[in-house]
N, C-alpha and C. Protein backbone atom coordinates (compact mmCIF):
# COMPACT_ATOMS: atom_id res chain seq x y z
N UNK A 1 -13.20 -8.04 16.96
CA UNK A 1 -12.91 -9.32 16.35
C UNK A 1 -13.01 -9.19 14.83
N UNK A 2 -12.10 -9.81 14.11
CA UNK A 2 -12.08 -9.80 12.65
C UNK A 2 -12.28 -11.22 12.17
N UNK A 3 -13.46 -11.51 11.67
CA UNK A 3 -13.75 -12.88 11.24
C UNK A 3 -13.55 -13.80 12.43
N UNK A 4 -12.74 -14.82 12.24
CA UNK A 4 -12.47 -15.73 13.35
C UNK A 4 -11.13 -15.43 14.01
N UNK A 5 -10.55 -14.27 13.72
CA UNK A 5 -9.27 -13.89 14.30
C UNK A 5 -9.51 -12.83 15.35
N UNK A 6 -9.02 -13.07 16.53
CA UNK A 6 -9.12 -12.12 17.62
C UNK A 6 -7.71 -11.74 18.02
N UNK A 7 -7.42 -10.46 18.26
CA UNK A 7 -6.08 -10.10 18.70
C UNK A 7 -5.65 -10.99 19.86
N UNK A 8 -4.48 -11.57 19.71
CA UNK A 8 -3.94 -12.41 20.76
C UNK A 8 -4.15 -13.89 20.53
N UNK A 9 -4.98 -14.30 19.56
CA UNK A 9 -5.18 -15.73 19.36
C UNK A 9 -4.10 -16.29 18.43
N UNK A 10 -3.26 -17.10 18.96
CA UNK A 10 -2.15 -17.76 18.28
C UNK A 10 -1.48 -16.89 17.22
N UNK A 11 -1.05 -15.72 17.64
CA UNK A 11 -0.35 -14.80 16.75
C UNK A 11 1.16 -14.94 16.92
N UNK A 12 1.86 -14.54 15.90
CA UNK A 12 3.31 -14.53 15.94
C UNK A 12 3.76 -13.08 15.83
N UNK A 13 4.67 -12.63 16.69
CA UNK A 13 5.10 -11.23 16.62
C UNK A 13 5.91 -10.97 15.36
N UNK A 14 5.75 -9.78 14.84
CA UNK A 14 6.47 -9.32 13.67
C UNK A 14 7.53 -8.33 14.13
N UNK A 15 8.74 -8.55 13.72
CA UNK A 15 9.87 -7.71 14.09
C UNK A 15 9.87 -7.48 15.60
N UNK A 16 10.39 -6.36 16.04
CA UNK A 16 10.48 -6.13 17.48
C UNK A 16 9.35 -5.25 17.99
N UNK A 17 8.42 -4.88 17.12
CA UNK A 17 7.32 -4.01 17.52
C UNK A 17 6.25 -4.83 18.24
N UNK A 18 6.05 -4.60 19.53
CA UNK A 18 5.06 -5.40 20.26
C UNK A 18 3.63 -5.13 19.84
N UNK A 19 3.39 -4.05 19.10
CA UNK A 19 2.03 -3.73 18.71
C UNK A 19 1.62 -4.31 17.37
N UNK A 20 2.54 -5.00 16.70
CA UNK A 20 2.22 -5.55 15.39
C UNK A 20 2.36 -7.06 15.46
N UNK A 21 1.34 -7.77 15.04
CA UNK A 21 1.33 -9.22 15.12
C UNK A 21 1.00 -9.80 13.75
N UNK A 22 1.64 -10.92 13.42
CA UNK A 22 1.48 -11.53 12.11
C UNK A 22 0.88 -12.91 12.22
N UNK A 23 0.01 -13.23 11.28
CA UNK A 23 -0.53 -14.58 11.19
C UNK A 23 -0.66 -14.90 9.71
N UNK A 24 0.13 -15.82 9.22
CA UNK A 24 0.10 -16.24 7.84
C UNK A 24 0.27 -15.03 6.93
N UNK A 25 -0.70 -14.76 6.05
CA UNK A 25 -0.58 -13.61 5.14
C UNK A 25 -1.42 -12.44 5.61
N UNK A 26 -1.73 -12.38 6.87
CA UNK A 26 -2.48 -11.23 7.37
C UNK A 26 -1.73 -10.64 8.55
N UNK A 27 -2.09 -9.43 8.89
CA UNK A 27 -1.42 -8.75 9.99
C UNK A 27 -2.46 -7.91 10.72
N UNK A 28 -2.39 -7.90 12.03
CA UNK A 28 -3.26 -7.05 12.85
C UNK A 28 -2.40 -5.94 13.42
N UNK A 29 -2.85 -4.70 13.25
CA UNK A 29 -2.03 -3.56 13.64
C UNK A 29 -2.84 -2.56 14.46
N UNK A 30 -2.47 -2.31 15.74
CA UNK A 30 -3.06 -1.16 16.43
C UNK A 30 -2.28 0.08 16.01
N UNK A 31 -2.96 1.09 15.52
CA UNK A 31 -2.27 2.27 14.98
C UNK A 31 -2.15 3.36 16.02
N UNK A 32 -1.42 4.46 15.64
CA UNK A 32 -1.15 5.55 16.59
C UNK A 32 -2.39 6.02 17.33
N UNK A 33 -3.46 6.24 16.59
CA UNK A 33 -4.68 6.76 17.20
C UNK A 33 -5.62 5.61 17.51
N UNK A 34 -5.08 4.57 18.04
CA UNK A 34 -5.84 3.34 18.25
C UNK A 34 -7.01 3.55 19.18
N UNK A 35 -8.19 3.24 18.68
CA UNK A 35 -9.41 3.41 19.47
C UNK A 35 -10.05 2.06 19.79
N UNK A 36 -9.26 0.99 19.69
CA UNK A 36 -9.77 -0.34 19.97
C UNK A 36 -10.04 -1.14 18.72
N UNK A 37 -10.15 -0.49 17.55
CA UNK A 37 -10.33 -1.22 16.30
C UNK A 37 -8.95 -1.58 15.76
N UNK A 38 -8.84 -2.81 15.33
CA UNK A 38 -7.59 -3.27 14.73
C UNK A 38 -7.63 -3.01 13.24
N UNK A 39 -6.49 -2.75 12.66
CA UNK A 39 -6.38 -2.69 11.21
C UNK A 39 -5.85 -4.04 10.77
N UNK A 40 -6.53 -4.64 9.85
CA UNK A 40 -6.27 -5.99 9.38
C UNK A 40 -5.77 -5.89 7.95
N UNK A 41 -4.57 -6.33 7.67
CA UNK A 41 -4.03 -6.30 6.32
C UNK A 41 -4.14 -7.70 5.74
N UNK A 42 -4.78 -7.78 4.59
CA UNK A 42 -5.02 -9.06 3.94
C UNK A 42 -5.03 -8.86 2.43
N UNK A 43 -5.04 -9.97 1.69
CA UNK A 43 -5.11 -9.88 0.24
C UNK A 43 -6.46 -9.32 -0.20
N UNK A 44 -6.42 -8.52 -1.25
CA UNK A 44 -7.66 -7.96 -1.81
C UNK A 44 -8.51 -9.10 -2.36
N UNK A 45 -9.81 -8.95 -2.21
CA UNK A 45 -10.79 -9.88 -2.77
C UNK A 45 -11.67 -9.11 -3.75
N UNK A 46 -12.32 -9.82 -4.64
CA UNK A 46 -13.16 -9.12 -5.64
C UNK A 46 -14.24 -8.27 -4.98
N UNK A 47 -14.72 -8.67 -3.82
CA UNK A 47 -15.73 -7.89 -3.12
C UNK A 47 -15.23 -6.54 -2.62
N UNK A 48 -13.91 -6.35 -2.59
CA UNK A 48 -13.32 -5.08 -2.14
C UNK A 48 -13.22 -4.05 -3.25
N UNK A 49 -13.32 -4.50 -4.48
CA UNK A 49 -12.99 -3.65 -5.63
C UNK A 49 -13.88 -2.43 -5.76
N UNK A 50 -15.18 -2.60 -5.71
CA UNK A 50 -16.11 -1.48 -5.97
C UNK A 50 -15.88 -0.32 -5.00
N UNK A 51 -15.77 -0.62 -3.71
CA UNK A 51 -15.59 0.44 -2.73
C UNK A 51 -14.24 1.13 -2.90
N UNK A 52 -13.19 0.35 -3.09
CA UNK A 52 -11.85 0.94 -3.32
C UNK A 52 -11.87 1.83 -4.55
N UNK A 53 -12.42 1.31 -5.64
CA UNK A 53 -12.44 2.07 -6.89
C UNK A 53 -13.21 3.38 -6.72
N UNK A 54 -14.27 3.36 -5.92
CA UNK A 54 -15.07 4.57 -5.71
C UNK A 54 -14.25 5.66 -5.04
N UNK A 55 -13.60 5.33 -3.89
CA UNK A 55 -12.88 6.40 -3.20
C UNK A 55 -11.59 6.78 -3.91
N UNK A 56 -11.00 5.88 -4.67
CA UNK A 56 -9.83 6.25 -5.47
C UNK A 56 -10.24 7.27 -6.52
N UNK A 57 -11.35 7.01 -7.21
CA UNK A 57 -11.82 7.91 -8.26
C UNK A 57 -12.24 9.27 -7.72
N UNK A 58 -12.56 9.36 -6.44
CA UNK A 58 -12.96 10.63 -5.82
C UNK A 58 -11.76 11.44 -5.33
N UNK A 59 -10.56 10.90 -5.45
CA UNK A 59 -9.35 11.53 -4.93
C UNK A 59 -8.70 12.39 -6.03
N UNK A 60 -8.43 13.68 -5.76
CA UNK A 60 -7.86 14.57 -6.77
C UNK A 60 -6.57 14.04 -7.43
N UNK A 61 -5.69 13.41 -6.67
CA UNK A 61 -4.45 12.88 -7.26
C UNK A 61 -4.77 11.90 -8.38
N UNK A 62 -5.66 10.98 -8.13
CA UNK A 62 -6.00 9.96 -9.13
C UNK A 62 -6.78 10.60 -10.28
N UNK A 63 -7.59 11.60 -9.98
CA UNK A 63 -8.34 12.28 -11.02
C UNK A 63 -7.40 12.95 -12.01
N UNK A 64 -6.29 13.46 -11.53
CA UNK A 64 -5.32 14.10 -12.42
C UNK A 64 -4.79 13.12 -13.46
N UNK A 65 -4.79 11.84 -13.12
CA UNK A 65 -4.34 10.79 -14.04
C UNK A 65 -5.51 10.22 -14.86
N UNK A 66 -6.69 10.81 -14.72
CA UNK A 66 -7.84 10.37 -15.50
C UNK A 66 -8.49 9.10 -15.00
N UNK A 67 -8.22 8.73 -13.75
CA UNK A 67 -8.79 7.51 -13.19
C UNK A 67 -10.27 7.73 -12.88
N UNK A 68 -11.09 6.80 -13.32
CA UNK A 68 -12.51 6.81 -13.00
C UNK A 68 -12.81 5.58 -12.16
N UNK A 69 -13.98 5.59 -11.57
CA UNK A 69 -14.39 4.43 -10.77
C UNK A 69 -14.39 3.16 -11.64
N UNK A 70 -14.91 3.28 -12.83
CA UNK A 70 -14.97 2.13 -13.74
C UNK A 70 -13.58 1.67 -14.18
N UNK A 71 -12.71 2.63 -14.54
CA UNK A 71 -11.37 2.23 -15.00
C UNK A 71 -10.55 1.59 -13.88
N UNK A 72 -10.72 2.09 -12.65
CA UNK A 72 -9.98 1.51 -11.53
C UNK A 72 -10.51 0.13 -11.19
N UNK A 73 -11.83 -0.03 -11.21
CA UNK A 73 -12.43 -1.34 -10.94
C UNK A 73 -11.97 -2.35 -11.99
N UNK A 74 -11.96 -1.94 -13.26
CA UNK A 74 -11.50 -2.83 -14.33
C UNK A 74 -10.03 -3.19 -14.13
N UNK A 75 -9.24 -2.21 -13.72
CA UNK A 75 -7.81 -2.45 -13.51
C UNK A 75 -7.58 -3.43 -12.36
N UNK A 76 -8.30 -3.25 -11.25
CA UNK A 76 -8.18 -4.18 -10.13
C UNK A 76 -8.63 -5.59 -10.53
N UNK A 77 -9.77 -5.69 -11.23
CA UNK A 77 -10.27 -7.02 -11.64
C UNK A 77 -9.26 -7.73 -12.53
N UNK A 78 -8.75 -7.02 -13.52
CA UNK A 78 -7.77 -7.62 -14.43
C UNK A 78 -6.51 -8.04 -13.67
N UNK A 79 -6.10 -7.20 -12.72
CA UNK A 79 -4.90 -7.52 -11.93
C UNK A 79 -5.11 -8.78 -11.09
N UNK A 80 -6.24 -8.85 -10.41
CA UNK A 80 -6.52 -10.04 -9.59
C UNK A 80 -6.64 -11.28 -10.46
N UNK A 81 -7.29 -11.16 -11.62
CA UNK A 81 -7.41 -12.30 -12.54
C UNK A 81 -6.04 -12.78 -13.01
N UNK A 82 -5.09 -11.84 -13.12
CA UNK A 82 -3.73 -12.18 -13.57
C UNK A 82 -2.83 -12.63 -12.42
N UNK A 83 -3.37 -12.63 -11.19
CA UNK A 83 -2.58 -13.09 -10.05
C UNK A 83 -1.77 -12.02 -9.35
N UNK A 84 -2.13 -10.75 -9.55
CA UNK A 84 -1.39 -9.65 -8.90
C UNK A 84 -1.53 -9.75 -7.38
N UNK A 85 -0.54 -9.19 -6.70
CA UNK A 85 -0.54 -9.16 -5.24
C UNK A 85 -0.96 -7.77 -4.78
N UNK A 86 -2.21 -7.67 -4.32
CA UNK A 86 -2.75 -6.41 -3.83
C UNK A 86 -3.28 -6.67 -2.43
N UNK A 87 -2.77 -5.93 -1.47
CA UNK A 87 -3.22 -6.05 -0.08
C UNK A 87 -4.14 -4.89 0.24
N UNK A 88 -5.08 -5.14 1.13
CA UNK A 88 -5.94 -4.07 1.63
C UNK A 88 -5.81 -3.98 3.14
N UNK A 89 -6.04 -2.80 3.65
CA UNK A 89 -6.13 -2.57 5.09
C UNK A 89 -7.61 -2.45 5.40
N UNK A 90 -8.06 -3.27 6.32
CA UNK A 90 -9.47 -3.29 6.70
C UNK A 90 -9.59 -2.87 8.16
N UNK A 91 -10.52 -1.99 8.43
CA UNK A 91 -10.76 -1.51 9.79
C UNK A 91 -12.26 -1.46 10.02
N UNK A 92 -12.70 -2.09 11.08
CA UNK A 92 -14.14 -2.14 11.42
C UNK A 92 -14.97 -2.61 10.23
N UNK A 93 -14.44 -3.57 9.48
CA UNK A 93 -15.17 -4.15 8.36
C UNK A 93 -15.12 -3.37 7.07
N UNK A 94 -14.41 -2.23 7.04
CA UNK A 94 -14.31 -1.42 5.83
C UNK A 94 -12.86 -1.35 5.36
N UNK A 95 -12.69 -1.39 4.03
CA UNK A 95 -11.36 -1.26 3.45
C UNK A 95 -10.98 0.22 3.50
N UNK A 96 -9.83 0.51 4.14
CA UNK A 96 -9.39 1.89 4.31
C UNK A 96 -8.08 2.20 3.60
N UNK A 97 -7.52 1.20 2.93
CA UNK A 97 -6.29 1.43 2.19
C UNK A 97 -5.92 0.20 1.40
N UNK A 98 -4.97 0.37 0.48
CA UNK A 98 -4.48 -0.76 -0.32
C UNK A 98 -3.04 -0.50 -0.73
N UNK A 99 -2.36 -1.57 -1.09
CA UNK A 99 -1.03 -1.48 -1.68
C UNK A 99 -0.90 -2.59 -2.71
N UNK A 100 -0.49 -2.23 -3.90
CA UNK A 100 -0.28 -3.17 -5.01
C UNK A 100 1.22 -3.39 -5.08
N UNK A 101 1.65 -4.60 -4.79
CA UNK A 101 3.06 -4.92 -4.65
C UNK A 101 3.48 -5.95 -5.70
N UNK A 102 4.62 -5.71 -6.35
CA UNK A 102 5.17 -6.65 -7.32
C UNK A 102 6.54 -7.07 -6.79
N UNK A 103 6.65 -8.36 -6.42
CA UNK A 103 7.86 -8.83 -5.72
C UNK A 103 9.15 -8.55 -6.50
N UNK A 104 9.15 -8.80 -7.79
CA UNK A 104 10.35 -8.54 -8.60
C UNK A 104 10.00 -7.56 -9.72
N UNK A 105 9.25 -6.53 -9.36
CA UNK A 105 8.74 -5.59 -10.35
C UNK A 105 9.68 -4.48 -10.74
N UNK A 106 10.76 -4.30 -10.01
CA UNK A 106 11.74 -3.26 -10.37
C UNK A 106 12.95 -3.94 -11.01
N UNK A 107 13.03 -3.81 -12.30
CA UNK A 107 14.16 -4.34 -13.06
C UNK A 107 14.27 -5.86 -12.94
N UNK A 108 13.14 -6.53 -12.70
CA UNK A 108 13.08 -7.98 -12.50
C UNK A 108 14.07 -8.43 -11.42
N UNK A 109 14.28 -7.56 -10.45
CA UNK A 109 15.28 -7.84 -9.42
C UNK A 109 14.81 -7.48 -8.01
N UNK A 110 14.07 -6.37 -7.90
CA UNK A 110 13.71 -5.84 -6.59
C UNK A 110 12.20 -5.64 -6.48
N UNK A 111 11.75 -5.50 -5.24
CA UNK A 111 10.34 -5.22 -4.99
C UNK A 111 9.94 -3.86 -5.55
N UNK A 112 8.68 -3.77 -5.95
CA UNK A 112 8.16 -2.53 -6.52
C UNK A 112 6.74 -2.30 -6.02
N UNK A 113 6.50 -1.12 -5.49
CA UNK A 113 5.16 -0.73 -5.07
C UNK A 113 4.53 -0.02 -6.26
N UNK A 114 3.60 -0.70 -6.89
CA UNK A 114 2.96 -0.15 -8.09
C UNK A 114 1.98 0.97 -7.75
N UNK A 115 1.16 0.74 -6.73
CA UNK A 115 0.21 1.74 -6.26
C UNK A 115 -0.01 1.57 -4.77
N UNK A 116 -0.27 2.67 -4.10
CA UNK A 116 -0.63 2.63 -2.68
C UNK A 116 -1.60 3.78 -2.44
N UNK A 117 -2.59 3.54 -1.60
CA UNK A 117 -3.54 4.60 -1.31
C UNK A 117 -4.28 4.35 -0.01
N UNK A 118 -4.67 5.43 0.62
CA UNK A 118 -5.45 5.37 1.86
C UNK A 118 -6.70 6.22 1.64
N UNK A 119 -7.82 5.68 2.08
CA UNK A 119 -9.12 6.34 1.92
C UNK A 119 -9.10 7.73 2.57
N UNK A 120 -9.63 8.75 1.88
CA UNK A 120 -9.75 10.06 2.53
C UNK A 120 -10.55 9.89 3.82
N UNK A 121 -10.15 10.58 4.85
CA UNK A 121 -10.79 10.45 6.15
C UNK A 121 -10.09 9.44 7.04
N UNK A 122 -9.33 8.53 6.44
CA UNK A 122 -8.58 7.53 7.21
C UNK A 122 -7.08 7.86 7.21
N UNK A 123 -6.71 8.91 6.51
CA UNK A 123 -5.29 9.29 6.41
C UNK A 123 -4.80 9.91 7.71
N UNK A 124 -3.51 9.78 7.94
CA UNK A 124 -2.90 10.38 9.12
C UNK A 124 -2.99 9.52 10.37
N UNK A 125 -3.38 8.26 10.21
CA UNK A 125 -3.53 7.37 11.37
C UNK A 125 -2.60 6.16 11.30
N UNK A 126 -1.63 6.17 10.37
CA UNK A 126 -0.66 5.09 10.29
C UNK A 126 -1.02 3.95 9.37
N UNK A 127 -2.12 4.07 8.64
CA UNK A 127 -2.54 2.98 7.75
C UNK A 127 -1.57 2.84 6.58
N UNK A 128 -1.21 3.95 5.96
CA UNK A 128 -0.25 3.90 4.86
C UNK A 128 1.08 3.33 5.31
N UNK A 129 1.54 3.76 6.48
CA UNK A 129 2.81 3.25 7.02
C UNK A 129 2.73 1.75 7.26
N UNK A 130 1.60 1.29 7.82
CA UNK A 130 1.44 -0.15 8.07
C UNK A 130 1.47 -0.94 6.77
N UNK A 131 0.78 -0.45 5.74
CA UNK A 131 0.80 -1.12 4.44
C UNK A 131 2.21 -1.12 3.86
N UNK A 132 2.88 0.01 3.94
CA UNK A 132 4.23 0.14 3.42
C UNK A 132 5.18 -0.83 4.12
N UNK A 133 5.15 -0.85 5.44
CA UNK A 133 6.03 -1.74 6.20
C UNK A 133 5.72 -3.20 5.92
N UNK A 134 4.46 -3.52 5.70
CA UNK A 134 4.06 -4.89 5.41
C UNK A 134 4.72 -5.39 4.12
N UNK A 135 4.66 -4.58 3.05
CA UNK A 135 5.28 -5.03 1.79
C UNK A 135 6.79 -4.87 1.81
N UNK A 136 7.30 -3.92 2.58
CA UNK A 136 8.76 -3.82 2.72
C UNK A 136 9.32 -5.10 3.32
N UNK A 137 8.65 -5.61 4.33
CA UNK A 137 9.13 -6.84 4.97
C UNK A 137 9.16 -7.98 3.97
N UNK A 138 8.13 -8.07 3.14
CA UNK A 138 8.09 -9.11 2.11
C UNK A 138 9.21 -8.90 1.08
N UNK A 139 9.41 -7.66 0.69
CA UNK A 139 10.44 -7.35 -0.29
C UNK A 139 11.83 -7.64 0.25
N UNK A 140 12.08 -7.22 1.48
CA UNK A 140 13.41 -7.40 2.06
C UNK A 140 13.72 -8.85 2.39
N UNK A 141 12.70 -9.69 2.49
CA UNK A 141 12.94 -11.12 2.69
C UNK A 141 13.51 -11.74 1.42
N UNK A 142 13.21 -11.13 0.26
CA UNK A 142 13.66 -11.66 -1.02
C UNK A 142 14.84 -10.91 -1.62
N UNK A 143 15.07 -9.69 -1.19
CA UNK A 143 16.14 -8.88 -1.77
C UNK A 143 16.46 -7.70 -0.89
N UNK A 144 17.30 -6.80 -1.38
CA UNK A 144 17.75 -5.71 -0.52
C UNK A 144 17.13 -4.37 -0.82
N UNK A 145 16.32 -4.26 -1.89
CA UNK A 145 15.77 -2.97 -2.29
C UNK A 145 14.28 -3.06 -2.56
N UNK A 146 13.63 -1.90 -2.45
CA UNK A 146 12.25 -1.75 -2.88
C UNK A 146 12.15 -0.37 -3.53
N UNK A 147 11.38 -0.29 -4.61
CA UNK A 147 11.26 0.94 -5.38
C UNK A 147 9.79 1.34 -5.51
N UNK A 148 9.57 2.61 -5.83
CA UNK A 148 8.25 3.12 -6.16
C UNK A 148 8.42 4.39 -6.96
N UNK A 149 7.36 4.80 -7.63
CA UNK A 149 7.34 6.08 -8.34
C UNK A 149 6.39 7.01 -7.61
N UNK A 150 6.73 8.29 -7.60
CA UNK A 150 5.85 9.30 -7.02
C UNK A 150 5.86 10.51 -7.97
N UNK A 151 4.70 11.09 -8.17
CA UNK A 151 4.55 12.22 -9.09
C UNK A 151 5.35 13.43 -8.59
N UNK A 152 5.91 14.18 -9.54
CA UNK A 152 6.71 15.35 -9.16
C UNK A 152 5.90 16.41 -8.44
N UNK A 153 4.60 16.50 -8.71
CA UNK A 153 3.77 17.51 -8.05
C UNK A 153 3.29 17.06 -6.66
N UNK A 154 3.47 15.80 -6.33
CA UNK A 154 2.95 15.27 -5.06
C UNK A 154 4.02 15.41 -3.97
N UNK A 155 4.26 16.64 -3.57
CA UNK A 155 5.34 16.92 -2.62
C UNK A 155 5.05 16.37 -1.22
N UNK A 156 3.79 16.30 -0.83
CA UNK A 156 3.45 15.71 0.47
C UNK A 156 3.88 14.24 0.51
N UNK A 157 3.58 13.50 -0.56
CA UNK A 157 3.99 12.08 -0.61
C UNK A 157 5.50 11.96 -0.64
N UNK A 158 6.17 12.84 -1.36
CA UNK A 158 7.63 12.78 -1.41
C UNK A 158 8.22 12.92 -0.01
N UNK A 159 7.74 13.92 0.73
CA UNK A 159 8.24 14.13 2.10
C UNK A 159 7.92 12.92 2.98
N UNK A 160 6.73 12.34 2.80
CA UNK A 160 6.33 11.18 3.60
C UNK A 160 7.24 9.99 3.32
N UNK A 161 7.51 9.73 2.05
CA UNK A 161 8.40 8.60 1.71
C UNK A 161 9.81 8.83 2.27
N UNK A 162 10.29 10.05 2.22
CA UNK A 162 11.62 10.35 2.79
C UNK A 162 11.61 10.06 4.29
N UNK A 163 10.55 10.42 5.00
CA UNK A 163 10.45 10.10 6.44
C UNK A 163 10.41 8.59 6.69
N UNK A 164 9.95 7.83 5.70
CA UNK A 164 9.89 6.38 5.84
C UNK A 164 11.21 5.70 5.43
N UNK A 165 12.21 6.51 5.08
CA UNK A 165 13.53 5.94 4.75
C UNK A 165 13.83 5.81 3.27
N UNK A 166 12.97 6.33 2.41
CA UNK A 166 13.20 6.28 0.96
C UNK A 166 14.02 7.50 0.54
N UNK A 167 14.69 7.36 -0.61
CA UNK A 167 15.38 8.51 -1.17
C UNK A 167 15.18 8.51 -2.68
N UNK A 168 15.14 9.70 -3.23
CA UNK A 168 14.96 9.82 -4.68
C UNK A 168 16.26 9.44 -5.36
N UNK A 169 16.16 8.54 -6.35
CA UNK A 169 17.35 8.08 -7.07
C UNK A 169 17.29 8.37 -8.56
N UNK A 170 16.19 8.97 -9.00
CA UNK A 170 16.08 9.27 -10.42
C UNK A 170 14.75 9.91 -10.75
N UNK A 171 14.58 10.17 -12.05
CA UNK A 171 13.35 10.80 -12.53
C UNK A 171 13.09 10.30 -13.94
N UNK A 172 11.82 10.04 -14.23
CA UNK A 172 11.40 9.67 -15.58
C UNK A 172 10.48 10.79 -16.06
N UNK A 173 10.94 11.53 -17.05
CA UNK A 173 10.16 12.65 -17.57
C UNK A 173 8.98 12.17 -18.40
N UNK A 174 7.84 12.81 -18.19
CA UNK A 174 6.63 12.59 -19.00
C UNK A 174 6.33 11.10 -19.20
N UNK A 175 6.40 10.33 -18.13
CA UNK A 175 6.25 8.87 -18.24
C UNK A 175 4.79 8.44 -18.38
N UNK A 176 3.95 8.84 -17.46
CA UNK A 176 2.54 8.46 -17.50
C UNK A 176 1.72 9.56 -18.18
N UNK A 177 2.05 10.80 -17.87
CA UNK A 177 1.39 11.96 -18.47
C UNK A 177 2.47 12.91 -18.97
N UNK A 178 2.18 13.60 -20.06
CA UNK A 178 3.14 14.54 -20.63
C UNK A 178 3.51 15.67 -19.67
N UNK A 179 2.58 16.07 -18.81
CA UNK A 179 2.81 17.21 -17.93
C UNK A 179 3.28 16.81 -16.53
N UNK A 180 3.62 15.54 -16.33
CA UNK A 180 4.04 15.06 -15.01
C UNK A 180 5.29 14.19 -15.16
N UNK A 181 6.26 14.47 -14.31
CA UNK A 181 7.44 13.62 -14.23
C UNK A 181 7.28 12.68 -13.04
N UNK A 182 7.73 11.46 -13.19
CA UNK A 182 7.66 10.48 -12.10
C UNK A 182 9.03 10.38 -11.46
N UNK A 183 9.07 10.52 -10.15
CA UNK A 183 10.31 10.44 -9.40
C UNK A 183 10.49 9.01 -8.91
N UNK A 184 11.69 8.48 -9.07
CA UNK A 184 11.99 7.12 -8.63
C UNK A 184 12.52 7.18 -7.21
N UNK A 185 11.85 6.49 -6.30
CA UNK A 185 12.29 6.41 -4.91
C UNK A 185 12.71 4.99 -4.59
N UNK A 186 13.75 4.88 -3.76
CA UNK A 186 14.32 3.58 -3.41
C UNK A 186 14.58 3.52 -1.90
N UNK A 187 14.32 2.35 -1.36
CA UNK A 187 14.70 2.09 0.03
C UNK A 187 15.50 0.80 0.03
N UNK A 188 16.61 0.82 0.76
CA UNK A 188 17.49 -0.33 0.84
C UNK A 188 17.43 -0.91 2.25
N UNK A 189 17.38 -2.23 2.30
CA UNK A 189 17.35 -2.91 3.61
C UNK A 189 18.56 -2.52 4.41
N UNK A 190 18.34 -2.23 5.68
CA UNK A 190 19.43 -1.85 6.59
C UNK A 190 20.12 -3.07 7.14
């Protein structure tokens, strides 16, 4: 049980997947390796920031960009104060992933995934895919495209996004760091 929501209580099905159910701005998802715990996707709250910032700062990818626990926590706080849309995936009472989504963040026209991450140890169980599909549905309700950037050295993420239906449509050289190029990935509603 998650708060006062129990799987099956007045839920509305999402798309044609019988395993995914939607209620308002939250979603309950049994994942591939489902062990009885539901993954609950909801808006980030200030109480989620410290734990998320800690595991983000411990991740080598984020470290390459100079992210610290303090800088990430400050970034999340400022974003929430400004009204940013950041969703978290919660499992067994712990936040195991997040996605920062900007509805018209790509060229003031299309959805944009600013950041997405899954806690080390929780990867490979469909959490990232669930977060991705959640914001894709929101993006495709408003437009036909969604965009994101992925680092040129992050080949695992590139392959993963391609499996999720994204394709590389461009590159921005030395955008965030001088030694890293950001690849532009796009997915178009079918």
